[in-house]
């Protein structure tokens, strides 16, 4: 199986860079980065990632708005999205679920938990 591509959408540069390194080393993924929802939509259409990890609270376009557009677009509707966010409010979680996210992880993330959840989603998608 070829290396799987993950689109990492995070506005905080330090977090984005750290997660990229960890995912490439421990998860052995190819990581494409975007810093807001608008860039995420563009990158998803260009790179066709196997999975998207997306923050909610970002400038330009937040993660919930980007998720809505991704799930309404034929070329990106099937890409699974895991929200990785500091927003632990039930309202954020409910809205993400309504928009068909695959999973919801609150920051700070435990790397082993994040990779386990990514693998679970990828396995479910390839076997289903």
N, C-alpha and C. Protein backbone atom coordinates (compact mmCIF):
# COMPACT_ATOMS: atom_id res chain seq x y z
N UNK A 1 0.85 -1.19 0.00
CA UNK A 1 0.00 0.00 0.00
C UNK A 1 0.89 1.25 0.00
N UNK A 2 0.56 2.23 -0.81
CA UNK A 2 1.35 3.46 -0.85
C UNK A 2 1.11 4.27 0.41
N UNK A 3 2.03 5.18 0.68
CA UNK A 3 1.93 6.02 1.86
C UNK A 3 0.67 6.87 1.78
N UNK A 4 -0.05 6.94 2.88
CA UNK A 4 -1.31 7.69 2.88
C UNK A 4 -1.06 9.17 3.13
N UNK A 5 -1.89 9.98 2.48
CA UNK A 5 -1.77 11.43 2.57
C UNK A 5 -2.78 11.98 3.58
N UNK A 6 -2.29 12.86 4.44
CA UNK A 6 -3.15 13.55 5.39
C UNK A 6 -3.03 15.04 5.15
N UNK A 7 -4.17 15.70 5.06
CA UNK A 7 -4.20 17.16 4.98
C UNK A 7 -4.40 17.67 6.40
N UNK A 8 -3.42 18.39 6.91
CA UNK A 8 -3.44 18.94 8.26
C UNK A 8 -3.80 20.42 8.18
N UNK A 9 -4.94 20.78 8.79
CA UNK A 9 -5.43 22.16 8.73
C UNK A 9 -5.39 22.75 10.13
N UNK A 10 -4.45 23.66 10.33
CA UNK A 10 -4.21 24.23 11.66
C UNK A 10 -3.62 25.62 11.47
N UNK A 11 -4.21 26.63 12.15
CA UNK A 11 -3.73 28.01 11.97
C UNK A 11 -2.50 28.33 12.81
N UNK A 12 -2.26 27.61 13.88
CA UNK A 12 -1.09 27.89 14.72
C UNK A 12 0.13 27.15 14.16
N UNK A 13 1.10 27.94 13.70
CA UNK A 13 2.25 27.38 13.00
C UNK A 13 3.01 26.35 13.83
N UNK A 14 3.25 26.62 15.12
CA UNK A 14 4.02 25.70 15.96
C UNK A 14 3.32 24.35 16.08
N UNK A 15 2.02 24.37 16.28
CA UNK A 15 1.24 23.14 16.40
C UNK A 15 1.25 22.40 15.06
N UNK A 16 1.06 23.14 13.98
CA UNK A 16 1.05 22.55 12.63
C UNK A 16 2.38 21.85 12.34
N UNK A 17 3.48 22.50 12.61
CA UNK A 17 4.80 21.94 12.35
C UNK A 17 5.07 20.71 13.23
N UNK A 18 4.69 20.78 14.51
CA UNK A 18 4.92 19.67 15.42
C UNK A 18 4.10 18.46 15.00
N UNK A 19 2.82 18.67 14.70
CA UNK A 19 1.97 17.56 14.28
C UNK A 19 2.45 16.95 12.96
N UNK A 20 2.90 17.78 12.05
CA UNK A 20 3.44 17.28 10.77
C UNK A 20 4.60 16.32 11.02
N UNK A 21 5.56 16.75 11.84
CA UNK A 21 6.73 15.92 12.13
C UNK A 21 6.32 14.61 12.78
N UNK A 22 5.46 14.69 13.78
CA UNK A 22 5.03 13.49 14.51
C UNK A 22 4.29 12.53 13.59
N UNK A 23 3.39 13.04 12.77
CA UNK A 23 2.63 12.17 11.86
C UNK A 23 3.51 11.53 10.81
N UNK A 24 4.50 12.26 10.34
CA UNK A 24 5.41 11.70 9.33
C UNK A 24 6.33 10.64 9.94
N UNK A 25 6.78 10.87 11.16
CA UNK A 25 7.71 9.93 11.81
C UNK A 25 6.97 8.72 12.37
N UNK A 26 5.99 8.96 13.22
CA UNK A 26 5.33 7.86 13.93
C UNK A 26 4.20 7.22 13.13
N UNK A 27 3.50 8.01 12.36
CA UNK A 27 2.40 7.46 11.58
C UNK A 27 2.79 7.08 10.17
N UNK A 28 3.95 7.55 9.75
CA UNK A 28 4.46 7.30 8.40
C UNK A 28 3.49 7.78 7.32
N UNK A 29 2.95 8.96 7.51
CA UNK A 29 2.04 9.57 6.54
C UNK A 29 2.77 10.66 5.78
N UNK A 30 2.28 10.97 4.59
CA UNK A 30 2.70 12.17 3.88
C UNK A 30 1.73 13.26 4.34
N UNK A 31 2.26 14.36 4.86
CA UNK A 31 1.41 15.41 5.42
C UNK A 31 1.47 16.65 4.55
N UNK A 32 0.29 17.09 4.13
CA UNK A 32 0.12 18.33 3.38
C UNK A 32 -0.48 19.32 4.38
N UNK A 33 -0.06 20.57 4.35
CA UNK A 33 -0.54 21.51 5.36
C UNK A 33 -1.35 22.65 4.75
N UNK A 34 -2.30 23.13 5.57
CA UNK A 34 -3.08 24.32 5.23
C UNK A 34 -3.30 25.07 6.54
N UNK A 35 -3.39 26.41 6.45
CA UNK A 35 -3.53 27.16 7.69
C UNK A 35 -4.92 27.75 7.93
N UNK A 36 -5.85 27.50 7.03
CA UNK A 36 -7.24 27.93 7.27
C UNK A 36 -8.18 27.12 6.38
N UNK A 37 -9.46 27.33 6.57
CA UNK A 37 -10.46 26.56 5.84
C UNK A 37 -10.43 26.75 4.34
N UNK A 38 -10.20 27.99 3.89
CA UNK A 38 -10.15 28.25 2.45
C UNK A 38 -9.01 27.47 1.79
N UNK A 39 -7.85 27.51 2.43
CA UNK A 39 -6.70 26.79 1.89
C UNK A 39 -6.95 25.28 1.96
N UNK A 40 -7.65 24.83 2.99
CA UNK A 40 -7.96 23.40 3.14
C UNK A 40 -8.80 22.91 1.97
N UNK A 41 -9.80 23.67 1.60
CA UNK A 41 -10.68 23.28 0.48
C UNK A 41 -9.88 23.19 -0.81
N UNK A 42 -9.04 24.19 -1.03
CA UNK A 42 -8.19 24.21 -2.24
C UNK A 42 -7.26 23.00 -2.25
N UNK A 43 -6.57 22.76 -1.14
CA UNK A 43 -5.62 21.64 -1.06
C UNK A 43 -6.32 20.28 -1.19
N UNK A 44 -7.50 20.16 -0.60
CA UNK A 44 -8.25 18.89 -0.69
C UNK A 44 -8.59 18.57 -2.14
N UNK A 45 -8.96 19.57 -2.90
CA UNK A 45 -9.30 19.37 -4.31
C UNK A 45 -8.07 19.06 -5.16
N UNK A 46 -6.94 19.64 -4.81
CA UNK A 46 -5.71 19.43 -5.58
C UNK A 46 -5.05 18.10 -5.23
N UNK A 47 -4.90 17.83 -3.93
CA UNK A 47 -4.09 16.69 -3.49
C UNK A 47 -4.88 15.42 -3.24
N UNK A 48 -6.20 15.51 -3.10
CA UNK A 48 -7.06 14.34 -2.82
C UNK A 48 -6.50 13.50 -1.66
N UNK A 49 -6.43 14.09 -0.45
CA UNK A 49 -5.86 13.35 0.69
C UNK A 49 -6.75 12.17 1.10
N UNK A 50 -6.14 11.23 1.81
CA UNK A 50 -6.89 10.09 2.33
C UNK A 50 -7.69 10.47 3.56
N UNK A 51 -7.27 11.54 4.24
CA UNK A 51 -7.93 11.99 5.47
C UNK A 51 -7.56 13.44 5.72
N UNK A 52 -8.46 14.17 6.38
CA UNK A 52 -8.20 15.56 6.76
C UNK A 52 -8.28 15.68 8.28
N UNK A 53 -7.26 16.29 8.88
CA UNK A 53 -7.29 16.67 10.30
C UNK A 53 -7.50 18.17 10.31
N UNK A 54 -8.58 18.65 10.97
CA UNK A 54 -8.90 20.07 10.86
C UNK A 54 -9.28 20.69 12.18
N UNK A 55 -8.68 21.84 12.45
CA UNK A 55 -9.03 22.67 13.60
C UNK A 55 -10.37 23.34 13.31
N UNK A 56 -11.04 23.83 14.34
CA UNK A 56 -12.31 24.55 14.13
C UNK A 56 -12.09 26.05 14.11
N UNK A 57 -11.47 26.58 15.14
CA UNK A 57 -11.33 28.04 15.25
C UNK A 57 -10.09 28.51 14.51
N UNK A 58 -10.35 29.09 13.30
CA UNK A 58 -9.27 29.60 12.44
C UNK A 58 -9.73 30.89 11.78
N UNK A 59 -8.78 31.75 11.38
CA UNK A 59 -9.15 32.96 10.64
C UNK A 59 -9.58 32.61 9.22
N UNK A 60 -10.04 33.60 8.49
CA UNK A 60 -10.49 33.45 7.10
C UNK A 60 -11.76 32.62 7.02
N UNK A 61 -11.63 31.30 7.25
CA UNK A 61 -12.78 30.41 7.22
C UNK A 61 -12.54 29.35 8.29
N UNK A 62 -13.51 29.22 9.21
CA UNK A 62 -13.30 28.24 10.28
C UNK A 62 -13.51 26.81 9.78
N UNK A 63 -13.15 25.86 10.63
CA UNK A 63 -13.20 24.46 10.25
C UNK A 63 -14.60 23.93 9.99
N UNK A 64 -15.59 24.44 10.72
CA UNK A 64 -16.96 23.98 10.50
C UNK A 64 -17.49 24.42 9.14
N UNK A 65 -17.19 25.66 8.76
CA UNK A 65 -17.61 26.16 7.45
C UNK A 65 -16.90 25.37 6.34
N UNK A 66 -15.60 25.11 6.53
CA UNK A 66 -14.85 24.34 5.53
C UNK A 66 -15.39 22.91 5.44
N UNK A 67 -15.71 22.30 6.59
CA UNK A 67 -16.27 20.95 6.61
C UNK A 67 -17.57 20.90 5.83
N UNK A 68 -18.41 21.90 6.02
CA UNK A 68 -19.69 21.96 5.31
C UNK A 68 -19.46 21.98 3.79
N UNK A 69 -18.53 22.81 3.34
CA UNK A 69 -18.24 22.91 1.91
C UNK A 69 -17.64 21.61 1.38
N UNK A 70 -16.71 21.03 2.13
CA UNK A 70 -16.10 19.76 1.71
C UNK A 70 -17.14 18.67 1.54
N UNK A 71 -18.13 18.63 2.43
CA UNK A 71 -19.13 17.57 2.38
C UNK A 71 -20.25 17.86 1.37
N UNK A 72 -20.27 19.07 0.82
CA UNK A 72 -21.24 19.41 -0.23
C UNK A 72 -20.64 19.37 -1.62
N UNK A 73 -19.34 19.06 -1.71
CA UNK A 73 -18.63 19.06 -2.99
C UNK A 73 -18.35 17.63 -3.42
N UNK A 74 -18.71 17.29 -4.64
CA UNK A 74 -18.60 15.90 -5.10
C UNK A 74 -17.17 15.36 -5.07
N UNK A 75 -16.18 16.20 -5.31
CA UNK A 75 -14.79 15.73 -5.35
C UNK A 75 -14.19 15.50 -3.95
N UNK A 76 -14.83 16.07 -2.91
CA UNK A 76 -14.26 15.95 -1.56
C UNK A 76 -15.22 15.31 -0.55
N UNK A 77 -16.43 15.01 -0.95
CA UNK A 77 -17.43 14.49 -0.01
C UNK A 77 -16.99 13.21 0.69
N UNK A 78 -16.25 12.35 0.01
CA UNK A 78 -15.87 11.05 0.58
C UNK A 78 -14.61 11.10 1.44
N UNK A 79 -13.93 12.23 1.49
CA UNK A 79 -12.71 12.32 2.30
C UNK A 79 -13.10 12.41 3.77
N UNK A 80 -12.63 11.47 4.60
CA UNK A 80 -12.97 11.54 6.02
C UNK A 80 -12.27 12.71 6.70
N UNK A 81 -12.97 13.33 7.65
CA UNK A 81 -12.44 14.49 8.36
C UNK A 81 -12.49 14.21 9.86
N UNK A 82 -11.36 14.41 10.53
CA UNK A 82 -11.31 14.34 11.98
C UNK A 82 -11.05 15.76 12.47
N UNK A 83 -11.94 16.26 13.31
CA UNK A 83 -11.75 17.58 13.89
C UNK A 83 -10.78 17.44 15.07
N UNK A 84 -9.74 18.27 15.09
CA UNK A 84 -8.76 18.30 16.18
C UNK A 84 -8.75 19.74 16.65
N UNK A 85 -9.37 20.00 17.80
CA UNK A 85 -9.63 21.37 18.19
C UNK A 85 -9.62 21.60 19.69
N UNK A 86 -9.43 22.84 20.05
CA UNK A 86 -9.51 23.23 21.46
C UNK A 86 -10.96 23.47 21.85
N UNK A 87 -11.86 23.48 20.91
CA UNK A 87 -13.28 23.74 21.18
C UNK A 87 -13.92 22.48 21.76
N UNK A 88 -14.07 22.46 23.08
CA UNK A 88 -14.65 21.30 23.74
C UNK A 88 -16.14 21.49 24.00
N UNK A 89 -16.70 22.59 23.54
CA UNK A 89 -18.12 22.87 23.75
C UNK A 89 -18.99 21.86 23.02
N UNK A 90 -20.08 21.46 23.65
CA UNK A 90 -21.00 20.51 23.03
C UNK A 90 -21.55 21.03 21.71
N UNK A 91 -21.73 22.34 21.60
CA UNK A 91 -22.26 22.94 20.36
C UNK A 91 -21.31 22.68 19.19
N UNK A 92 -20.01 22.85 19.40
CA UNK A 92 -19.02 22.59 18.34
C UNK A 92 -19.07 21.13 17.94
N UNK A 93 -19.07 20.25 18.92
CA UNK A 93 -19.08 18.81 18.67
C UNK A 93 -20.34 18.39 17.91
N UNK A 94 -21.49 18.93 18.32
CA UNK A 94 -22.77 18.60 17.67
C UNK A 94 -22.79 19.09 16.23
N UNK A 95 -22.31 20.30 15.99
CA UNK A 95 -22.30 20.84 14.64
C UNK A 95 -21.37 20.04 13.73
N UNK A 96 -20.20 19.68 14.24
CA UNK A 96 -19.26 18.87 13.45
C UNK A 96 -19.89 17.52 13.11
N UNK A 97 -20.56 16.91 14.07
CA UNK A 97 -21.22 15.63 13.83
C UNK A 97 -22.34 15.75 12.81
N UNK A 98 -23.08 16.84 12.87
CA UNK A 98 -24.16 17.09 11.92
C UNK A 98 -23.62 17.22 10.49
N UNK A 99 -22.40 17.75 10.40
CA UNK A 99 -21.77 17.95 9.09
C UNK A 99 -20.95 16.74 8.65
N UNK A 100 -21.07 15.64 9.37
CA UNK A 100 -20.45 14.36 9.00
C UNK A 100 -18.94 14.31 9.17
N UNK A 101 -18.46 14.77 10.33
CA UNK A 101 -17.06 14.50 10.63
C UNK A 101 -16.94 13.04 11.06
N UNK A 102 -15.77 12.47 10.96
CA UNK A 102 -15.55 11.07 11.33
C UNK A 102 -15.27 10.91 12.81
N UNK A 103 -14.60 11.91 13.39
CA UNK A 103 -14.22 11.84 14.80
C UNK A 103 -13.96 13.26 15.27
N UNK A 104 -13.83 13.42 16.58
CA UNK A 104 -13.66 14.74 17.17
C UNK A 104 -12.70 14.59 18.33
N UNK A 105 -11.55 15.24 18.26
CA UNK A 105 -10.53 15.15 19.30
C UNK A 105 -10.27 16.54 19.85
N UNK A 106 -10.25 16.66 21.18
CA UNK A 106 -9.96 17.97 21.77
C UNK A 106 -8.48 18.06 22.14
N UNK A 107 -7.95 19.26 21.97
CA UNK A 107 -6.56 19.55 22.30
C UNK A 107 -6.45 19.73 23.81
N UNK A 108 -5.32 19.44 24.40
CA UNK A 108 -4.12 18.90 23.78
C UNK A 108 -4.32 17.43 23.42
N UNK A 109 -3.74 17.02 22.30
CA UNK A 109 -3.91 15.65 21.82
C UNK A 109 -2.77 14.76 22.31
N UNK A 110 -3.11 13.52 22.56
CA UNK A 110 -2.10 12.50 22.85
C UNK A 110 -1.78 11.86 21.51
N UNK A 111 -0.52 11.86 21.14
CA UNK A 111 -0.11 11.41 19.81
C UNK A 111 -0.54 9.97 19.53
N UNK A 112 -0.36 9.08 20.50
CA UNK A 112 -0.75 7.69 20.26
C UNK A 112 -2.25 7.56 20.04
N UNK A 113 -3.03 8.37 20.75
CA UNK A 113 -4.49 8.37 20.56
C UNK A 113 -4.85 8.92 19.18
N UNK A 114 -4.19 9.99 18.77
CA UNK A 114 -4.45 10.59 17.46
C UNK A 114 -4.14 9.59 16.34
N UNK A 115 -3.01 8.94 16.40
CA UNK A 115 -2.64 7.98 15.35
C UNK A 115 -3.59 6.79 15.36
N UNK A 116 -3.99 6.33 16.53
CA UNK A 116 -4.94 5.22 16.62
C UNK A 116 -6.27 5.59 15.98
N UNK A 117 -6.73 6.80 16.22
CA UNK A 117 -8.00 7.25 15.62
C UNK A 117 -7.89 7.42 14.12
N UNK A 118 -6.75 7.94 13.66
CA UNK A 118 -6.53 8.07 12.22
C UNK A 118 -6.57 6.69 11.57
N UNK A 119 -5.85 5.74 12.14
CA UNK A 119 -5.82 4.38 11.59
C UNK A 119 -7.21 3.75 11.58
N UNK A 120 -7.96 3.96 12.64
CA UNK A 120 -9.31 3.40 12.73
C UNK A 120 -10.18 3.93 11.59
N UNK A 121 -10.12 5.22 11.34
CA UNK A 121 -10.91 5.82 10.27
C UNK A 121 -10.43 5.31 8.90
N UNK A 122 -9.13 5.27 8.68
CA UNK A 122 -8.60 4.82 7.40
C UNK A 122 -8.94 3.35 7.14
N UNK A 123 -8.84 2.51 8.15
CA UNK A 123 -9.19 1.10 8.00
C UNK A 123 -10.68 0.95 7.69
N UNK A 124 -11.50 1.69 8.42
CA UNK A 124 -12.95 1.63 8.20
C UNK A 124 -13.29 2.08 6.78
N UNK A 125 -12.62 3.10 6.29
CA UNK A 125 -12.90 3.62 4.95
C UNK A 125 -12.43 2.68 3.85
N UNK A 126 -11.30 2.00 4.06
CA UNK A 126 -10.80 1.12 3.01
C UNK A 126 -11.47 -0.24 3.02
N UNK A 127 -12.01 -0.62 4.17
CA UNK A 127 -12.68 -1.93 4.21
C UNK A 127 -14.18 -1.83 3.99
N UNK A 128 -14.70 -0.60 4.04
CA UNK A 128 -16.14 -0.42 3.92
C UNK A 128 -16.54 0.01 2.62
